[in-house]
C-alpha cells in the first residue's frame, strides 16, 4: 500500500522524459547516491542528460513506523 517512486512517476507524467526510472530506497542519503549514479551514467556515456534528486515524505503509518527505529 506504498508507492515509493511516486515523485519520479509524477515528474515523468508532467515533463515526459524517456528512459529508465528507478528508486534506490536503501539509506538516508539516497538523493546523494542518485546524483552520483546520474553523474556516472553521463560520464560513461550511458545517458546524455539525467533528472535526479531525492525526496522523502513520511505520510503513512507504514513509513512513519519504519522511520521510528
C-alpha atoms as a PDB file:
ATOM      1  CA  UNK A   1       0.000   0.000   0.000  1.00  0.00           C
ATOM      2  CA  UNK A   2       3.006   2.281  -0.538  1.00  0.00           C
ATOM      3  CA  UNK A   3       4.157   3.674  -3.862  1.00  0.00           C
ATOM      4  CA  UNK A   4       7.781   4.552  -3.134  1.00  0.00           C
ATOM      5  CA  UNK A   5       8.570   6.007  -6.574  1.00  0.00           C
ATOM      6  CA  UNK A   6       5.577   8.366  -6.785  1.00  0.00           C
ATOM      7  CA  UNK A   7       7.714  11.530  -7.032  1.00  0.00           C
ATOM      8  CA  UNK A   8       9.669  10.290 -10.055  1.00  0.00           C
ATOM      9  CA  UNK A   9       6.454   8.997 -11.618  1.00  0.00           C
ATOM     10  CA  UNK A  10       4.816  12.407 -11.302  1.00  0.00           C
ATOM     11  CA  UNK A  11       7.852  14.102 -12.876  1.00  0.00           C
ATOM     12  CA  UNK A  12       7.705  11.613 -15.764  1.00  0.00           C
ATOM     13  CA  UNK A  13       3.986  12.295 -16.277  1.00  0.00           C
ATOM     14  CA  UNK A  14       4.429  16.086 -16.122  1.00  0.00           C
ATOM     15  CA  UNK A  15       7.521  16.503 -18.307  1.00  0.00           C
ATOM     16  CA  UNK A  16       7.622  13.288 -20.382  1.00  0.00           C
ATOM     17  CA  UNK A  17      11.287  12.274 -20.073  1.00  0.00           C
ATOM     18  CA  UNK A  18      12.229   8.954 -21.662  1.00  0.00           C
ATOM     19  CA  UNK A  19      14.423   6.201 -20.286  1.00  0.00           C
ATOM     20  CA  UNK A  20      14.958   4.343 -17.048  1.00  0.00           C
ATOM     21  CA  UNK A  21      13.320   5.414 -13.820  1.00  0.00           C
ATOM     22  CA  UNK A  22      14.404   3.769 -10.615  1.00  0.00           C
ATOM     23  CA  UNK A  23      14.348   4.128  -6.877  1.00  0.00           C
ATOM     24  CA  UNK A  24      17.217   3.366  -4.528  1.00  0.00           C
ATOM     25  CA  UNK A  25      15.427   3.448  -1.177  1.00  0.00           C
ATOM     26  CA  UNK A  26      18.239   1.838   0.786  1.00  0.00           C
ATOM     27  CA  UNK A  27      19.604   4.576   3.037  1.00  0.00           C
ATOM     28  CA  UNK A  28      19.109   8.067   4.382  1.00  0.00           C
ATOM     29  CA  UNK A  29      21.299   9.624   1.695  1.00  0.00           C
ATOM     30  CA  UNK A  30      19.536   8.242  -1.395  1.00  0.00           C
ATOM     31  CA  UNK A  31      19.368  11.685  -3.037  1.00  0.00           C
ATOM     32  CA  UNK A  32      23.162  11.959  -2.956  1.00  0.00           C
ATOM     33  CA  UNK A  33      23.524   8.415  -4.283  1.00  0.00           C
ATOM     34  CA  UNK A  34      21.148   9.170  -7.147  1.00  0.00           C
ATOM     35  CA  UNK A  35      23.105  12.288  -8.066  1.00  0.00           C
ATOM     36  CA  UNK A  36      26.285  10.194  -8.156  1.00  0.00           C
ATOM     37  CA  UNK A  37      24.581   7.494 -10.244  1.00  0.00           C
ATOM     38  CA  UNK A  38      23.329  10.102 -12.727  1.00  0.00           C
ATOM     39  CA  UNK A  39      26.773  11.680 -12.967  1.00  0.00           C
ATOM     40  CA  UNK A  40      28.330   8.268 -13.588  1.00  0.00           C
ATOM     41  CA  UNK A  41      25.763   7.465 -16.318  1.00  0.00           C
ATOM     42  CA  UNK A  42      26.625  10.684 -18.140  1.00  0.00           C
ATOM     43  CA  UNK A  43      30.396  10.235 -17.745  1.00  0.00           C
ATOM     44  CA  UNK A  44      30.252   6.633 -19.015  1.00  0.00           C
ATOM     45  CA  UNK A  45      28.122   7.677 -21.991  1.00  0.00           C
ATOM     46  CA  UNK A  46      25.036   5.734 -20.893  1.00  0.00           C
ATOM     47  CA  UNK A  47      22.935   8.926 -20.927  1.00  0.00           C
ATOM     48  CA  UNK A  48      23.131  12.403 -22.405  1.00  0.00           C
ATOM     49  CA  UNK A  49      21.150  14.037 -19.601  1.00  0.00           C
ATOM     50  CA  UNK A  50      19.536  12.940 -16.344  1.00  0.00           C
ATOM     51  CA  UNK A  51      16.894  14.275 -13.963  1.00  0.00           C
ATOM     52  CA  UNK A  52      17.952  13.307 -10.465  1.00  0.00           C
ATOM     53  CA  UNK A  53      17.413  14.070  -6.814  1.00  0.00           C
ATOM     54  CA  UNK A  54      15.781  12.804  -3.681  1.00  0.00           C
ATOM     55  CA  UNK A  55      12.598  13.290  -1.739  1.00  0.00           C
ATOM     56  CA  UNK A  56      11.024  11.849   1.368  1.00  0.00           C
ATOM     57  CA  UNK A  57       7.630  12.261   2.982  1.00  0.00           C
ATOM     58  CA  UNK A  58       6.621  10.079   5.914  1.00  0.00           C
ATOM     59  CA  UNK A  59       2.884  10.468   5.459  1.00  0.00           C
ATOM     60  CA  UNK A  60       1.554   6.950   6.007  1.00  0.00           C
ATOM     61  CA  UNK A  61       1.542   4.818   9.160  1.00  0.00           C
ATOM     62  CA  UNK A  62       3.890   2.327   7.432  1.00  0.00           C
ATOM     63  CA  UNK A  63       6.550   4.906   6.569  1.00  0.00           C
ATOM     64  CA  UNK A  64       6.243   6.700   9.885  1.00  0.00           C
ATOM     65  CA  UNK A  65       6.658   3.386  11.738  1.00  0.00           C
ATOM     66  CA  UNK A  66       9.697   2.494   9.635  1.00  0.00           C
ATOM     67  CA  UNK A  67      11.417   5.810  10.349  1.00  0.00           C
ATOM     68  CA  UNK A  68      10.990   5.465  14.133  1.00  0.00           C
ATOM     69  CA  UNK A  69      13.708   2.787  14.534  1.00  0.00           C
END
